[in-house]
């Protein structure tokens, strides 16, 4: 069962058990996935105008990685909202966002540790023969696909900057 199907199945279960927060979060994730599929379908229709409707639908299905990225994006929004609500001293909204984030994390791969990021970054730096901060782009280009959906870009970027300086 792929991730999208798992989310749909869990949504059905949440509706049956009347878990309002989970229903809300899973509907939001489903909508985000659907929007990504629509974007992909639109791009495919522009690039390959000779495709039939069923081929276009098949072409627009998200891969597991793309689905994880959509969920990761939603989780990132929750993390940013938590920070903003904490600044505004809106603890009621902080707890709601944290609860939503907890549900989203069930569908994401386990986050990678800083030590693992640091270790992989060192390997990539050696591989691309990066000499300093001017090679940051080369390193990040190689490194980010390794951590997609498992680490935030700003954390990876911070570690790479430390290693390059």
Protein backbone atom coordinates (compact mmCIF):
# COMPACT_ATOMS: atom_id res chain seq x y z
CA UNK A 1 0.00 0.00 0.00
CA UNK A 2 1.50 3.33 -1.01
CA UNK A 3 1.52 6.39 1.22
CA UNK A 4 -1.39 8.11 -0.53
CA UNK A 5 -3.58 5.02 -0.10
CA UNK A 6 -2.54 4.72 3.54
CA UNK A 7 -3.61 8.32 4.16
CA UNK A 8 -6.98 7.69 2.48
CA UNK A 9 -7.50 4.53 4.53
CA UNK A 10 -6.61 6.31 7.78
CA UNK A 11 -8.96 9.15 6.83
CA UNK A 12 -11.82 6.67 6.50
CA UNK A 13 -10.96 5.18 9.90
CA UNK A 14 -10.77 8.66 11.47
CA UNK A 15 -14.20 9.55 10.06
CA UNK A 16 -15.66 6.33 11.49
CA UNK A 17 -14.13 6.99 14.91
CA UNK A 18 -14.96 10.73 14.75
CA UNK A 19 -11.45 12.01 15.38
CA UNK A 20 -12.00 15.61 14.28
CA UNK A 21 -8.39 16.79 14.38
CA UNK A 22 -7.10 13.76 12.49
CA UNK A 23 -9.88 14.13 9.91
CA UNK A 24 -8.92 17.76 9.40
CA UNK A 25 -5.21 17.05 9.04
CA UNK A 26 -5.65 14.08 6.71
CA UNK A 27 -8.06 16.03 4.50
CA UNK A 28 -5.55 18.87 4.35
CA UNK A 29 -2.76 16.45 3.39
CA UNK A 30 -4.96 14.79 0.78
CA UNK A 31 -5.72 18.21 -0.71
CA UNK A 32 -2.01 19.07 -0.80
CA UNK A 33 -1.25 15.80 -2.58
CA UNK A 34 -4.11 16.38 -5.03
CA UNK A 35 -2.81 19.89 -5.78
CA UNK A 36 0.67 18.49 -6.50
CA UNK A 37 -0.88 15.92 -8.85
CA UNK A 38 -2.81 18.67 -10.64
CA UNK A 39 0.40 20.68 -11.05
CA UNK A 40 2.16 17.63 -12.44
CA UNK A 41 -0.76 16.88 -14.79
CA UNK A 42 -0.76 20.48 -16.06
CA UNK A 43 2.99 20.39 -16.75
CA UNK A 44 2.66 17.02 -18.50
CA UNK A 45 -0.20 18.30 -20.66
CA UNK A 46 1.90 21.28 -21.76
CA UNK A 47 5.05 19.25 -22.44
CA UNK A 48 3.35 16.25 -24.05
CA UNK A 49 0.19 17.54 -25.72
CA UNK A 50 -0.32 14.26 -27.61
CA UNK A 51 -1.10 12.23 -24.44
CA UNK A 52 -4.56 10.72 -24.01
CA UNK A 53 -6.54 11.44 -20.84
CA UNK A 54 -5.78 8.08 -19.17
CA UNK A 55 -2.08 8.40 -20.02
CA UNK A 56 -2.12 11.91 -18.60
CA UNK A 57 -3.71 10.67 -15.36
CA UNK A 58 -1.08 7.93 -15.09
CA UNK A 59 1.71 10.43 -15.79
CA UNK A 60 0.44 12.78 -13.07
CA UNK A 61 0.50 10.23 -10.23
CA UNK A 62 2.98 11.26 -7.55
CA UNK A 63 5.88 9.03 -6.67
CA UNK A 64 6.39 8.06 -3.04
CA UNK A 65 9.16 10.66 -2.78
CA UNK A 66 6.91 13.40 -4.17
CA UNK A 67 4.16 12.41 -1.74
CA UNK A 68 6.61 12.56 1.17
CA UNK A 69 7.74 15.99 -0.04
CA UNK A 70 4.14 17.23 -0.04
CA UNK A 71 3.65 15.99 3.53
CA UNK A 72 7.03 17.41 4.57
CA UNK A 73 5.97 20.77 3.18
CA UNK A 74 2.81 20.71 5.29
CA UNK A 75 4.82 19.73 8.38
CA UNK A 76 7.20 22.61 7.73
CA UNK A 77 4.23 25.01 7.62
CA UNK A 78 3.15 23.72 11.03
CA UNK A 79 6.64 24.21 12.50
CA UNK A 80 6.76 27.78 11.19
CA UNK A 81 3.27 28.48 12.55
CA UNK A 82 4.29 27.15 15.98
CA UNK A 83 7.21 29.59 16.10
CA UNK A 84 4.99 32.52 15.10
CA UNK A 85 2.24 31.61 17.57
CA UNK A 86 4.82 31.30 20.35
CA UNK A 87 6.05 34.80 19.54
CA UNK A 88 2.47 36.03 19.72
CA UNK A 89 1.88 34.14 22.98
CA UNK A 90 -1.02 32.18 21.47
CA UNK A 91 -0.49 28.94 23.38
CA UNK A 92 -3.91 27.59 22.37
CA UNK A 93 -2.92 27.73 18.71
CA UNK A 94 0.58 26.40 19.49
CA UNK A 95 -0.90 23.25 21.00
CA UNK A 96 -3.26 22.79 18.02
CA UNK A 97 -0.38 23.12 15.53
CA UNK A 98 1.77 20.73 17.59
CA UNK A 99 -1.04 18.17 17.57
CA UNK A 100 -1.35 18.51 13.78
CA UNK A 101 2.42 18.18 13.40
CA UNK A 102 2.38 14.99 15.47
CA UNK A 103 -0.18 13.47 13.09
CA UNK A 104 1.84 14.53 10.03
CA UNK A 105 5.02 12.99 11.44
CA UNK A 106 3.31 9.57 11.39
CA UNK A 107 3.52 9.69 7.58
CA UNK A 108 7.06 11.01 7.29
CA UNK A 109 10.26 8.98 7.43
CA UNK A 110 12.22 9.27 10.65
CA UNK A 111 14.16 12.53 10.88
CA UNK A 112 17.88 12.18 10.44
CA UNK A 113 20.25 13.18 13.23
CA UNK A 114 22.70 16.08 13.06
CA UNK A 115 25.62 13.63 13.36
CA UNK A 116 24.40 11.71 10.31
CA UNK A 117 23.96 14.96 8.35
CA UNK A 118 27.46 16.05 9.37
CA UNK A 119 28.96 12.67 8.37
CA UNK A 120 27.26 12.63 4.96
CA UNK A 121 28.12 16.29 4.39
CA UNK A 122 31.81 15.57 5.00
CA UNK A 123 31.69 12.72 2.47
CA UNK A 124 30.02 14.96 -0.13
CA UNK A 125 32.50 17.78 0.52
CA UNK A 126 35.36 15.36 -0.11
CA UNK A 127 33.60 13.93 -3.18
CA UNK A 128 33.08 17.33 -4.87
CA UNK A 129 36.43 18.59 -3.59
CA UNK A 130 34.87 21.67 -2.02
CA UNK A 131 37.44 24.17 -0.79
CA UNK A 132 35.36 26.83 0.92
CA UNK A 133 32.10 28.77 1.11
CA UNK A 134 32.16 29.42 -2.65
CA UNK A 135 31.47 25.69 -3.19
CA UNK A 136 28.37 25.69 -0.97
CA UNK A 137 26.03 25.35 -3.98
CA UNK A 138 27.85 22.29 -5.33
CA UNK A 139 27.72 20.58 -1.94
CA UNK A 140 24.05 21.39 -1.31
CA UNK A 141 23.08 20.18 -4.79
CA UNK A 142 24.60 16.78 -4.05
CA UNK A 143 23.51 16.62 -0.41
CA UNK A 144 19.85 17.65 -0.39
CA UNK A 145 18.51 14.69 -2.40
CA UNK A 146 19.96 12.42 0.30
CA UNK A 147 17.85 14.06 3.00
CA UNK A 148 14.66 15.03 1.19
CA UNK A 149 11.77 14.65 3.61
CA UNK A 150 14.10 13.67 6.45
CA UNK A 151 15.88 16.94 7.30
CA UNK A 152 15.14 20.62 6.90
CA UNK A 153 17.19 22.50 4.37
CA UNK A 154 18.16 25.28 6.77
CA UNK A 155 19.67 22.77 9.22
CA UNK A 156 21.62 21.05 6.43
CA UNK A 157 22.75 24.44 5.12
CA UNK A 158 23.93 25.51 8.59
CA UNK A 159 25.98 22.34 9.02
CA UNK A 160 27.53 22.65 5.54
CA UNK A 161 28.48 26.28 6.24
CA UNK A 162 30.19 25.21 9.47
CA UNK A 163 32.13 22.47 7.68
CA UNK A 164 33.19 24.70 4.80
CA UNK A 165 34.44 27.55 6.98
